[in-house]
PDB file of N, CA and C in Angstrom:
ATOM      1  N   MET A   1     156.208 160.257  46.957  1.00  0.00           N
ATOM      2  CA  MET A   1     157.330 161.041  46.176  1.00  0.00           C
ATOM      3  C   MET A   1     158.060 161.761  47.358  1.00  0.00           C
ATOM      4  N   ASN A   2     159.680 162.384  47.400  1.00  0.00           N
ATOM      5  CA  ASN A   2     160.420 162.705  48.205  1.00  0.00           C
ATOM      6  C   ASN A   2     160.298 164.191  48.304  1.00  0.00           C
ATOM      7  N   ASN A   3     159.788 164.822  49.643  1.00  0.00           N
ATOM      8  CA  ASN A   3     159.272 166.157  49.185  1.00  0.00           C
ATOM      9  C   ASN A   3     160.488 166.583  50.356  1.00  0.00           C
ATOM     10  N   GLN A   4     161.362 166.111  49.881  1.00  0.00           N
ATOM     11  CA  GLN A   4     162.668 166.890  51.035  1.00  0.00           C
ATOM     12  C   GLN A   4     163.922 167.343  49.856  1.00  0.00           C
ATOM     13  N   LYS A   5     164.954 168.653  50.485  1.00  0.00           N
ATOM     14  CA  LYS A   5     165.454 168.708  49.633  1.00  0.00           C
ATOM     15  C   LYS A   5     166.563 169.280  50.732  1.00  0.00           C
ATOM     16  N   MET A   6     168.244 169.795  50.226  1.00  0.00           N
ATOM     17  CA  MET A   6     169.229 169.725  51.169  1.00  0.00           C
ATOM     18  C   MET A   6     168.985 171.472  51.342  1.00  0.00           C
ATOM     19  N   ASN A   7     169.296 171.362  52.643  1.00  0.00           N
ATOM     20  CA  ASN A   7     169.949 172.920  52.894  1.00  0.00           C
ATOM     21  C   ASN A   7     171.223 173.315  53.248  1.00  0.00           C
ATOM     22  N   ASP A   8     171.572 174.436  53.170  1.00  0.00           N
ATOM     23  CA  ASP A   8     172.685 174.699  53.294  1.00  0.00           C
ATOM     24  C   ASP A   8     173.678 173.694  53.845  1.00  0.00           C
ATOM     25  N   GLN A   9     173.397 173.390  54.942  1.00  0.00           N
ATOM     26  CA  GLN A   9     174.461 172.956  55.915  1.00  0.00           C
ATOM     27  C   GLN A   9     174.190 171.477  55.884  1.00  0.00           C
ATOM     28  N   ASN A  10     173.500 170.584  54.233  1.00  0.00           N
ATOM     29  CA  ASN A  10     173.521 169.579  53.715  1.00  0.00           C
ATOM     30  C   ASN A  10     173.119 168.767  54.650  1.00  0.00           C
ATOM     31  N   ASN A  11     171.634 169.193  55.363  1.00  0.00           N
ATOM     32  CA  ASN A  11     170.430 168.420  56.128  1.00  0.00           C
ATOM     33  C   ASN A  11     169.469 168.230  55.119  1.00  0.00           C
ATOM     34  N   PHE A  12     168.591 167.399  55.173  1.00  0.00           N
ATOM     35  CA  PHE A  12     167.363 167.436  54.742  1.00  0.00           C
ATOM     36  C   PHE A  12     166.339 168.170  55.404  1.00  0.00           C
ATOM     37  N   GLU A  13     165.609 168.834  54.644  1.00  0.00           N
ATOM     38  CA  GLU A  13     164.571 169.449  55.243  1.00  0.00           C
ATOM     39  C   GLU A  13     163.314 169.169  54.397  1.00  0.00           C
ATOM     40  N   GLU A  14     161.903 169.313  55.003  1.00  0.00           N
ATOM     41  CA  GLU A  14     161.039 169.192  54.499  1.00  0.00           C
ATOM     42  C   GLU A  14     160.702 170.418  53.395  1.00  0.00           C
ATOM     43  N   ARG A  15     160.109 170.029  51.898  1.00  0.00           N
ATOM     44  CA  ARG A  15     159.578 171.123  51.362  1.00  0.00           C
ATOM     45  C   ARG A  15     158.152 171.092  50.948  1.00  0.00           C
ATOM     46  N   LYS A  16     157.619 172.585  50.871  1.00  0.00           N
ATOM     47  CA  LYS A  16     156.413 172.736  51.243  1.00  0.00           C
ATOM     48  C   LYS A  16     155.985 172.206  49.489  1.00  0.00           C
ATOM     49  N   MET A  17     154.764 171.820  49.930  1.00  0.00           N
ATOM     50  CA  MET A  17     154.321 171.506  48.459  1.00  0.00           C
ATOM     51  C   MET A  17     152.567 172.001  48.235  1.00  0.00           C
ATOM     52  N   TYR A  18     151.726 172.386  47.192  1.00  0.00           N
ATOM     53  CA  TYR A  18     150.989 173.300  47.133  1.00  0.00           C
ATOM     54  C   TYR A  18     150.228 172.175  46.896  1.00  0.00           C
ATOM     55  N   GLN A  19     148.797 172.340  47.249  1.00  0.00           N
ATOM     56  CA  GLN A  19     147.792 171.325  46.796  1.00  0.00           C
ATOM     57  C   GLN A  19     146.604 172.409  45.629  1.00  0.00           C
ATOM     58  N   GLY A  20     146.352 171.774  44.449  1.00  0.00           N
ATOM     59  CA  GLY A  20     145.394 172.128  43.733  1.00  0.00           C
ATOM     60  C   GLY A  20     144.786 171.413  42.832  1.00  0.00           C
ATOM     61  N   ASN A  21     144.397 172.138  41.755  1.00  0.00           N
ATOM     62  CA  ASN A  21     143.859 171.767  40.607  1.00  0.00           C
ATOM     63  C   ASN A  21     144.330 171.855  38.906  1.00  0.00           C
ATOM     64  N   TRP A  22     145.275 171.457  38.744  1.00  0.00           N
ATOM     65  CA  TRP A  22     145.797 172.394  37.588  1.00  0.00           C
ATOM     66  C   TRP A  22     145.948 170.999  36.053  1.00  0.00           C
ATOM     67  N   THR A  23     146.282 171.610  35.015  1.00  0.00           N
ATOM     68  CA  THR A  23     146.307 171.148  33.945  1.00  0.00           C
ATOM     69  C   THR A  23     147.721 171.466  33.706  1.00  0.00           C
ATOM     70  N   CYS A  24     148.287 169.764  32.974  1.00  0.00           N
ATOM     71  CA  CYS A  24     149.568 170.238  32.210  1.00  0.00           C
ATOM     72  C   CYS A  24     149.320 171.024  30.720  1.00  0.00           C
ATOM     73  N   SER A  25     150.712 171.679  30.926  1.00  0.00           N
ATOM     74  CA  SER A  25     150.298 172.640  29.216  1.00  0.00           C
ATOM     75  C   SER A  25     150.658 171.724  28.342  1.00  0.00           C
ATOM     76  N   GLU A  26     151.349 170.783  28.434  1.00  0.00           N
ATOM     77  CA  GLU A  26     151.757 170.245  27.222  1.00  0.00           C
ATOM     78  C   GLU A  26     150.931 168.887  26.707  1.00  0.00           C
ATOM     79  N   CYS A  27     150.501 167.950  27.980  1.00  0.00           N
ATOM     80  CA  CYS A  27     149.734 166.441  27.842  1.00  0.00           C
ATOM     81  C   CYS A  27     148.151 166.786  28.265  1.00  0.00           C
ATOM     82  N   GLY A  28     148.044 167.965  28.936  1.00  0.00           N
ATOM     83  CA  GLY A  28     146.757 168.262  29.654  1.00  0.00           C
ATOM     84  C   GLY A  28     146.093 166.976  30.830  1.00  0.00           C
ATOM     85  N   ALA A  29     147.415 166.604  31.334  1.00  0.00           N
ATOM     86  CA  ALA A  29     147.521 165.642  32.535  1.00  0.00           C
ATOM     87  C   ALA A  29     147.161 166.828  33.335  1.00  0.00           C
ATOM     88  N   GLU A  30     146.055 165.842  34.621  1.00  0.00           N
ATOM     89  CA  GLU A  30     145.481 166.912  36.046  1.00  0.00           C
ATOM     90  C   GLU A  30     147.085 166.678  36.766  1.00  0.00           C
ATOM     91  N   ILE A  31     147.331 168.027  37.159  1.00  0.00           N
ATOM     92  CA  ILE A  31     147.991 168.343  38.174  1.00  0.00           C
ATOM     93  C   ILE A  31     147.818 168.732  39.691  1.00  0.00           C
ATOM     94  N   LYS A  32     148.022 167.616  40.804  1.00  0.00           N
ATOM     95  CA  LYS A  32     147.368 167.800  41.972  1.00  0.00           C
ATOM     96  C   LYS A  32     147.994 168.733  42.975  1.00  0.00           C
ATOM     97  N   GLU A  33     149.692 168.361  42.906  1.00  0.00           N
ATOM     98  CA  GLU A  33     150.179 168.879  43.604  1.00  0.00           C
ATOM     99  C   GLU A  33     151.398 169.146  42.791  1.00  0.00           C
ATOM    100  N   LEU A  34     152.138 170.777  43.452  1.00  0.00           N
ATOM    101  CA  LEU A  34     153.328 170.834  43.202  1.00  0.00           C
ATOM    102  C   LEU A  34     154.098 171.668  43.920  1.00  0.00           C
ATOM    103  N   PRO A  35     155.969 171.339  43.876  1.00  0.00           N
ATOM    104  CA  PRO A  35     156.588 172.029  44.983  1.00  0.00           C
ATOM    105  C   PRO A  35     156.609 173.321  45.120  1.00  0.00           C
ATOM    106  N   PHE A  36     156.035 174.155  44.150  1.00  0.00           N
ATOM    107  CA  PHE A  36     156.243 176.046  44.265  1.00  0.00           C
ATOM    108  C   PHE A  36     154.619 176.331  44.194  1.00  0.00           C
ATOM    109  N   GLU A  37     154.501 177.256  44.395  1.00  0.00           N
ATOM    110  CA  GLU A  37     152.857 178.069  43.859  1.00  0.00           C
ATOM    111  C   GLU A  37     153.114 178.899  42.808  1.00  0.00           C
ATOM    112  N   PRO A  38     152.191 178.261  41.822  1.00  0.00           N
ATOM    113  CA  PRO A  38     152.485 178.751  40.591  1.00  0.00           C
ATOM    114  C   PRO A  38     152.206 180.096  40.581  1.00  0.00           C
ATOM    115  N   SER A  39     152.490 180.741  39.626  1.00  0.00           N
ATOM    116  CA  SER A  39     151.925 182.338  39.387  1.00  0.00           C
ATOM    117  C   SER A  39     151.225 182.372  38.430  1.00  0.00           C
ATOM    118  N   GLY A  40     150.514 181.479  37.294  1.00  0.00           N
ATOM    119  CA  GLY A  40     150.125 181.637  36.547  1.00  0.00           C
ATOM    120  C   GLY A  40     150.405 182.399  35.045  1.00  0.00           C
ATOM    121  N   ASP A  41     151.560 182.843  35.308  1.00  0.00           N
ATOM    122  CA  ASP A  41     152.197 183.703  33.970  1.00  0.00           C
ATOM    123  C   ASP A  41     153.254 182.690  33.136  1.00  0.00           C
ATOM    124  N   ARG A  42     153.476 181.551  33.808  1.00  0.00           N
ATOM    125  CA  ARG A  42     154.266 180.450  32.954  1.00  0.00           C
ATOM    126  C   ARG A  42     153.512 179.127  33.121  1.00  0.00           C
ATOM    127  N   PRO A  43     154.031 178.470  31.996  1.00  0.00           N
ATOM    128  CA  PRO A  43     152.981 176.960  31.857  1.00  0.00           C
ATOM    129  C   PRO A  43     152.845 176.290  32.803  1.00  0.00           C
ATOM    130  N   LEU A  44     152.397 175.333  33.184  1.00  0.00           N
ATOM    131  CA  LEU A  44     153.273 173.874  33.798  1.00  0.00           C
ATOM    132  C   LEU A  44     152.960 173.018  33.396  1.00  0.00           C
ATOM    133  N   LEU A  45     153.890 172.055  33.956  1.00  0.00           N
ATOM    134  CA  LEU A  45     153.687 170.609  33.046  1.00  0.00           C
ATOM    135  C   LEU A  45     153.744 169.560  34.154  1.00  0.00           C
ATOM    136  N   CYS A  46     153.297 168.356  33.585  1.00  0.00           N
ATOM    137  CA  CYS A  46     153.020 167.294  34.769  1.00  0.00           C
ATOM    138  C   CYS A  46     154.598 166.410  35.028  1.00  0.00           C
ATOM    139  N   ARG A  47     154.423 165.781  35.522  1.00  0.00           N
ATOM    140  CA  ARG A  47     156.232 165.330  36.157  1.00  0.00           C
ATOM    141  C   ARG A  47     156.990 164.494  34.856  1.00  0.00           C
ATOM    142  N   ASP A  48     155.845 163.607  34.050  1.00  0.00           N
ATOM    143  CA  ASP A  48     156.239 163.120  33.126  1.00  0.00           C
ATOM    144  C   ASP A  48     156.605 164.052  31.839  1.00  0.00           C
ATOM    145  N   CYS A  49     156.376 165.514  31.298  1.00  0.00           N
ATOM    146  CA  CYS A  49     156.184 166.191  30.639  1.00  0.00           C
ATOM    147  C   CYS A  49     157.309 167.036  31.028  1.00  0.00           C
ATOM    148  N   HIS A  50     157.576 167.342  32.528  1.00  0.00           N
ATOM    149  CA  HIS A  50     158.924 167.847  33.307  1.00  0.00           C
ATOM    150  C   HIS A  50     159.952 166.822  32.828  1.00  0.00           C
ATOM    151  N   ARG A  51     159.990 165.858  33.221  1.00  0.00           N
ATOM    152  CA  ARG A  51     161.639 164.928  32.991  1.00  0.00           C
ATOM    153  C   ARG A  51     161.353 164.773  31.759  1.00  0.00           C
ATOM    154  N   GLN A  52     160.476 164.558  30.511  1.00  0.00           N
ATOM    155  CA  GLN A  52     161.050 165.077  28.933  1.00  0.00           C
ATOM    156  C   GLN A  52     161.550 165.957  28.511  1.00  0.00           C
ATOM    157  N   LYS A  53     161.363 167.050  29.472  1.00  0.00           N
ATOM    158  CA  LYS A  53     161.927 168.412  29.148  1.00  0.00           C
ATOM    159  C   LYS A  53     162.947 168.600  29.256  1.00  0.00           C
ATOM    160  N   MET A  54     163.315 168.056  30.423  1.00  0.00           N
ATOM    161  CA  MET A  54     164.545 168.094  30.572  1.00  0.00           C
ATOM    162  C   MET A  54     165.622 167.483  30.268  1.00  0.00           C
ATOM    163  N   GLN A  55     165.332 165.718  30.343  1.00  0.00           N
ATOM    164  CA  GLN A  55     166.294 165.197  28.816  1.00  0.00           C
ATOM    165  C   GLN A  55     166.622 165.930  27.856  1.00  0.00           C
ATOM    166  N   ARG A  56     165.823 166.257  27.268  1.00  0.00           N
ATOM    167  CA  ARG A  56     165.844 167.152  25.552  1.00  0.00           C
ATOM    168  C   ARG A  56     167.149 168.037  26.192  1.00  0.00           C
ATOM    169  N   ARG A  57     166.739 168.933  27.122  1.00  0.00           N
ATOM    170  CA  ARG A  57     167.432 170.051  27.340  1.00  0.00           C
ATOM    171  C   ARG A  57     168.615 169.434  27.715  1.00  0.00           C
ATOM    172  N   ASN A  58     168.550 168.606  28.601  1.00  0.00           N
ATOM    173  CA  ASN A  58     170.558 168.014  28.675  1.00  0.00           C
ATOM    174  C   ASN A  58     170.989 167.640  27.595  1.00  0.00           C
ATOM    175  N   GLN A  59     170.316 166.276  26.352  1.00  0.00           N
ATOM    176  CA  GLN A  59     170.935 166.177  25.130  1.00  0.00           C
ATOM    177  C   GLN A  59     171.525 167.141  24.659  1.00  0.00           C
ATOM    178  N   ARG A  60     170.714 168.468  24.576  1.00  0.00           N
ATOM    179  CA  ARG A  60     171.299 169.178  23.485  1.00  0.00           C
ATOM    180  C   ARG A  60     172.812 170.105  23.929  1.00  0.00           C
ATOM    181  N   ARG A  61     172.755 169.976  25.473  1.00  0.00           N
ATOM    182  CA  ARG A  61     174.166 170.174  25.936  1.00  0.00           C
ATOM    183  C   ARG A  61     175.344 169.678  25.450  1.00  0.00           C
ATOM    184  N   TYR A  62     175.406 168.576  24.944  1.00  0.00           N
ATOM    185  CA  TYR A  62     176.641 167.798  24.582  1.00  0.00           C
ATOM    186  C   TYR A  62     176.375 167.493  22.999  1.00  0.00           C
TER     187      TYR A  62
END
């Protein structure tokens, strides 16, 4: 996976990844790595469920 993001100067920098054992709130899949530290007050989605959610959200815009 690409762990880079653009900074203000349009250069790539490493994104901090958080290791752990979480469960996807949608499908129950195991999540081992996240690009943010979870706060515990919001549901966590695996990569596939997050991608599907974003696709549905983008389709509603048009």
